[in-house]
């Protein structure tokens, strides 16, 4: 990274938040995000099996795995990237809250928490991919 220095870092941070206007914006690829979701399920199941019930690390960590996968797409510049990430995150959080309040005792064990966060992360991935596939409005 010869010559990038301080200004190279600033440019990369700006690009993460504000893409150039002439950069093409494609929809998010569904297959890598589905793989990230399956990996998140495996991580959540491992935490459900091998962590004691009073431990801080719980199967809810699987949402972090999915968030990192979608943030990679956000950094690449997919279509509607920030609204897709924020709306999908809100839907994931809302579904997790809804499922945990509807099912009594789901928060008592790690397997119950896994049962709450597995569909919530699936909704996160599906909504993110769906929102990025919406047509882009031409800029005036």
C-alpha atoms as a PDB file:
ATOM      1  CA  UNK A   1       0.000   0.000   0.000  1.00  0.00           C
ATOM      2  CA  UNK A   2       2.668   2.400  -0.996  1.00  0.00           C
ATOM      3  CA  UNK A   3       1.434   5.933  -1.178  1.00  0.00           C
ATOM      4  CA  UNK A   4      -1.929   5.294   0.423  1.00  0.00           C
ATOM      5  CA  UNK A   5      -1.065   6.721   3.857  1.00  0.00           C
ATOM      6  CA  UNK A   6      -3.564   8.763   5.787  1.00  0.00           C
ATOM      7  CA  UNK A   7      -5.455   9.920   2.718  1.00  0.00           C
ATOM      8  CA  UNK A   8      -5.871   6.352   1.470  1.00  0.00           C
ATOM      9  CA  UNK A   9      -7.536   5.398   4.735  1.00  0.00           C
ATOM     10  CA  UNK A  10      -9.825   8.422   4.564  1.00  0.00           C
ATOM     11  CA  UNK A  11     -10.737   7.562   0.967  1.00  0.00           C
ATOM     12  CA  UNK A  12     -11.618   3.988   1.885  1.00  0.00           C
ATOM     13  CA  UNK A  13     -13.784   5.121   4.808  1.00  0.00           C
ATOM     14  CA  UNK A  14     -15.572   7.634   2.584  1.00  0.00           C
ATOM     15  CA  UNK A  15     -16.143   4.972  -0.042  1.00  0.00           C
ATOM     16  CA  UNK A  16     -17.717   2.724   2.588  1.00  0.00           C
ATOM     17  CA  UNK A  17     -20.337   5.360   3.380  1.00  0.00           C
ATOM     18  CA  UNK A  18     -20.579   7.327   0.105  1.00  0.00           C
ATOM     19  CA  UNK A  19     -20.023   5.562  -3.191  1.00  0.00           C
ATOM     20  CA  UNK A  20     -19.031   7.447  -6.326  1.00  0.00           C
ATOM     21  CA  UNK A  21     -22.023   8.244  -8.548  1.00  0.00           C
ATOM     22  CA  UNK A  22     -20.631   6.435 -11.581  1.00  0.00           C
ATOM     23  CA  UNK A  23     -20.036   3.156  -9.718  1.00  0.00           C
ATOM     24  CA  UNK A  24     -22.406   0.353 -10.840  1.00  0.00           C
ATOM     25  CA  UNK A  25     -24.662  -0.987  -8.110  1.00  0.00           C
ATOM     26  CA  UNK A  26     -25.671  -4.606  -8.451  1.00  0.00           C
ATOM     27  CA  UNK A  27     -28.008  -6.621  -6.229  1.00  0.00           C
ATOM     28  CA  UNK A  28     -26.551  -8.782  -3.476  1.00  0.00           C
ATOM     29  CA  UNK A  29     -25.728 -12.357  -4.400  1.00  0.00           C
ATOM     30  CA  UNK A  30     -27.996 -14.759  -2.556  1.00  0.00           C
ATOM     31  CA  UNK A  31     -25.708 -17.810  -2.467  1.00  0.00           C
ATOM     32  CA  UNK A  32     -22.846 -16.327  -0.378  1.00  0.00           C
ATOM     33  CA  UNK A  33     -25.351 -14.897   2.097  1.00  0.00           C
ATOM     34  CA  UNK A  34     -27.122 -18.259   2.309  1.00  0.00           C
ATOM     35  CA  UNK A  35     -23.744 -19.839   3.075  1.00  0.00           C
ATOM     36  CA  UNK A  36     -23.147 -17.223   5.764  1.00  0.00           C
ATOM     37  CA  UNK A  37     -26.566 -18.017   7.244  1.00  0.00           C
ATOM     38  CA  UNK A  38     -25.798 -21.762   7.304  1.00  0.00           C
ATOM     39  CA  UNK A  39     -22.461 -21.030   8.963  1.00  0.00           C
ATOM     40  CA  UNK A  40     -24.307 -18.843  11.482  1.00  0.00           C
ATOM     41  CA  UNK A  41     -26.657 -21.745  12.242  1.00  0.00           C
ATOM     42  CA  UNK A  42     -23.669 -23.988  12.884  1.00  0.00           C
ATOM     43  CA  UNK A  43     -22.096 -21.380  15.174  1.00  0.00           C
ATOM     44  CA  UNK A  44     -25.369 -20.933  17.055  1.00  0.00           C
ATOM     45  CA  UNK A  45     -25.785 -24.688  17.468  1.00  0.00           C
ATOM     46  CA  UNK A  46     -22.234 -25.013  18.785  1.00  0.00           C
ATOM     47  CA  UNK A  47     -22.852 -22.279  21.338  1.00  0.00           C
ATOM     48  CA  UNK A  48     -26.154 -23.912  22.311  1.00  0.00           C
ATOM     49  CA  UNK A  49     -24.458 -27.255  22.919  1.00  0.00           C
ATOM     50  CA  UNK A  50     -21.141 -26.305  24.471  1.00  0.00           C
ATOM     51  CA  UNK A  51     -21.779 -23.225  26.595  1.00  0.00           C
ATOM     52  CA  UNK A  52     -23.283 -23.371  30.065  1.00  0.00           C
ATOM     53  CA  UNK A  53     -26.617 -21.654  30.640  1.00  0.00           C
ATOM     54  CA  UNK A  54     -25.104 -18.910  32.767  1.00  0.00           C
ATOM     55  CA  UNK A  55     -22.478 -17.978  30.159  1.00  0.00           C
ATOM     56  CA  UNK A  56     -22.530 -14.641  28.344  1.00  0.00           C
ATOM     57  CA  UNK A  57     -21.924 -16.144  24.899  1.00  0.00           C
ATOM     58  CA  UNK A  58     -25.246 -17.392  23.589  1.00  0.00           C
ATOM     59  CA  UNK A  59     -26.642 -18.520  20.226  1.00  0.00           C
ATOM     60  CA  UNK A  60     -27.634 -14.911  19.540  1.00  0.00           C
ATOM     61  CA  UNK A  61     -24.051 -14.498  18.296  1.00  0.00           C
ATOM     62  CA  UNK A  62     -25.282 -15.962  15.009  1.00  0.00           C
ATOM     63  CA  UNK A  63     -26.741 -12.554  14.140  1.00  0.00           C
ATOM     64  CA  UNK A  64     -23.238 -11.097  14.238  1.00  0.00           C
ATOM     65  CA  UNK A  65     -22.059 -13.673  11.697  1.00  0.00           C
ATOM     66  CA  UNK A  66     -24.872 -12.698   9.331  1.00  0.00           C
ATOM     67  CA  UNK A  67     -24.265  -8.973   9.907  1.00  0.00           C
ATOM     68  CA  UNK A  68     -20.613  -9.356   8.944  1.00  0.00           C
ATOM     69  CA  UNK A  69     -21.621 -11.149   5.743  1.00  0.00           C
ATOM     70  CA  UNK A  70     -24.038  -8.411   4.773  1.00  0.00           C
ATOM     71  CA  UNK A  71     -21.608  -5.644   5.736  1.00  0.00           C
ATOM     72  CA  UNK A  72     -19.208  -7.155   3.216  1.00  0.00           C
ATOM     73  CA  UNK A  73     -21.856  -6.610   0.538  1.00  0.00           C
ATOM     74  CA  UNK A  74     -22.541  -3.115   1.851  1.00  0.00           C
ATOM     75  CA  UNK A  75     -18.846  -2.315   1.451  1.00  0.00           C
ATOM     76  CA  UNK A  76     -18.867  -3.629  -2.117  1.00  0.00           C
ATOM     77  CA  UNK A  77     -21.676  -1.229  -2.984  1.00  0.00           C
ATOM     78  CA  UNK A  78     -24.830  -3.223  -3.605  1.00  0.00           C
ATOM     79  CA  UNK A  79     -28.038  -1.507  -4.598  1.00  0.00           C
ATOM     80  CA  UNK A  80     -29.948   0.200  -1.722  1.00  0.00           C
ATOM     81  CA  UNK A  81     -27.226  -0.950   0.658  1.00  0.00           C
ATOM     82  CA  UNK A  82     -27.836   1.087   3.815  1.00  0.00           C
ATOM     83  CA  UNK A  83     -31.656   1.003   3.740  1.00  0.00           C
ATOM     84  CA  UNK A  84     -31.484  -2.743   3.101  1.00  0.00           C
ATOM     85  CA  UNK A  85     -29.116  -3.279   6.027  1.00  0.00           C
ATOM     86  CA  UNK A  86     -31.105  -1.129   8.451  1.00  0.00           C
ATOM     87  CA  UNK A  87     -34.557  -2.443   7.491  1.00  0.00           C
ATOM     88  CA  UNK A  88     -33.346  -6.042   7.590  1.00  0.00           C
ATOM     89  CA  UNK A  89     -31.740  -5.485  10.983  1.00  0.00           C
ATOM     90  CA  UNK A  90     -34.944  -3.970  12.354  1.00  0.00           C
ATOM     91  CA  UNK A  91     -36.988  -6.891  11.008  1.00  0.00           C
ATOM     92  CA  UNK A  92     -34.541  -9.391  12.553  1.00  0.00           C
ATOM     93  CA  UNK A  93     -34.698  -7.653  15.910  1.00  0.00           C
ATOM     94  CA  UNK A  94     -38.490  -7.359  15.771  1.00  0.00           C
ATOM     95  CA  UNK A  95     -39.025 -11.008  14.872  1.00  0.00           C
ATOM     96  CA  UNK A  96     -36.631 -12.140  17.584  1.00  0.00           C
ATOM     97  CA  UNK A  97     -38.508 -10.025  20.152  1.00  0.00           C
ATOM     98  CA  UNK A  98     -41.873 -11.284  18.902  1.00  0.00           C
ATOM     99  CA  UNK A  99     -40.851 -14.944  18.993  1.00  0.00           C
ATOM    100  CA  UNK A 100     -39.268 -14.642  22.423  1.00  0.00           C
ATOM    101  CA  UNK A 101     -42.409 -13.062  23.903  1.00  0.00           C
ATOM    102  CA  UNK A 102     -44.831 -15.441  22.182  1.00  0.00           C
ATOM    103  CA  UNK A 103     -43.047 -18.604  23.240  1.00  0.00           C
ATOM    104  CA  UNK A 104     -42.947 -18.790  27.029  1.00  0.00           C
ATOM    105  CA  UNK A 105     -39.678 -20.132  28.320  1.00  0.00           C
ATOM    106  CA  UNK A 106     -37.725 -19.712  25.083  1.00  0.00           C
ATOM    107  CA  UNK A 107     -35.205 -17.468  26.803  1.00  0.00           C
ATOM    108  CA  UNK A 108     -34.620 -20.018  29.568  1.00  0.00           C
ATOM    109  CA  UNK A 109     -32.285 -22.253  27.572  1.00  0.00           C
ATOM    110  CA  UNK A 110     -29.776 -21.839  24.772  1.00  0.00           C
ATOM    111  CA  UNK A 111     -31.774 -24.137  22.504  1.00  0.00           C
ATOM    112  CA  UNK A 112     -34.798 -21.910  22.960  1.00  0.00           C
ATOM    113  CA  UNK A 113     -32.702 -18.901  22.052  1.00  0.00           C
ATOM    114  CA  UNK A 114     -31.400 -20.799  19.016  1.00  0.00           C
ATOM    115  CA  UNK A 115     -35.026 -21.451  17.993  1.00  0.00           C
ATOM    116  CA  UNK A 116     -35.689 -17.707  18.186  1.00  0.00           C
ATOM    117  CA  UNK A 117     -32.613 -16.449  16.342  1.00  0.00           C
ATOM    118  CA  UNK A 118     -32.499 -19.049  13.543  1.00  0.00           C
ATOM    119  CA  UNK A 119     -35.647 -17.757  11.778  1.00  0.00           C
ATOM    120  CA  UNK A 120     -34.793 -14.154  12.669  1.00  0.00           C
ATOM    121  CA  UNK A 121     -31.445 -14.371  10.883  1.00  0.00           C
ATOM    122  CA  UNK A 122     -33.121 -16.121   7.932  1.00  0.00           C
ATOM    123  CA  UNK A 123     -35.521 -13.182   7.668  1.00  0.00           C
ATOM    124  CA  UNK A 124     -32.562 -10.810   7.851  1.00  0.00           C
ATOM    125  CA  UNK A 125     -30.838 -12.492   4.906  1.00  0.00           C
ATOM    126  CA  UNK A 126     -34.037 -12.805   2.841  1.00  0.00           C
ATOM    127  CA  UNK A 127     -35.004  -9.179   3.356  1.00  0.00           C
ATOM    128  CA  UNK A 128     -31.495  -7.906   2.603  1.00  0.00           C
ATOM    129  CA  UNK A 129     -31.327  -9.839  -0.661  1.00  0.00           C
ATOM    130  CA  UNK A 130     -34.884  -8.835  -1.563  1.00  0.00           C
ATOM    131  CA  UNK A 131     -34.378  -5.133  -0.914  1.00  0.00           C
ATOM    132  CA  UNK A 132     -31.169  -5.040  -2.915  1.00  0.00           C
ATOM    133  CA  UNK A 133     -33.062  -6.527  -5.863  1.00  0.00           C
ATOM    134  CA  UNK A 134     -35.525  -3.623  -6.000  1.00  0.00           C
ATOM    135  CA  UNK A 135     -35.040  -1.429  -9.069  1.00  0.00           C
ATOM    136  CA  UNK A 136     -32.852   1.613  -8.700  1.00  0.00           C
ATOM    137  CA  UNK A 137     -34.342   5.013  -9.350  1.00  0.00           C
ATOM    138  CA  UNK A 138     -32.410   7.060 -11.892  1.00  0.00           C
ATOM    139  CA  UNK A 139     -30.827  10.135 -10.362  1.00  0.00           C
ATOM    140  CA  UNK A 140     -32.092  13.452 -11.582  1.00  0.00           C
END
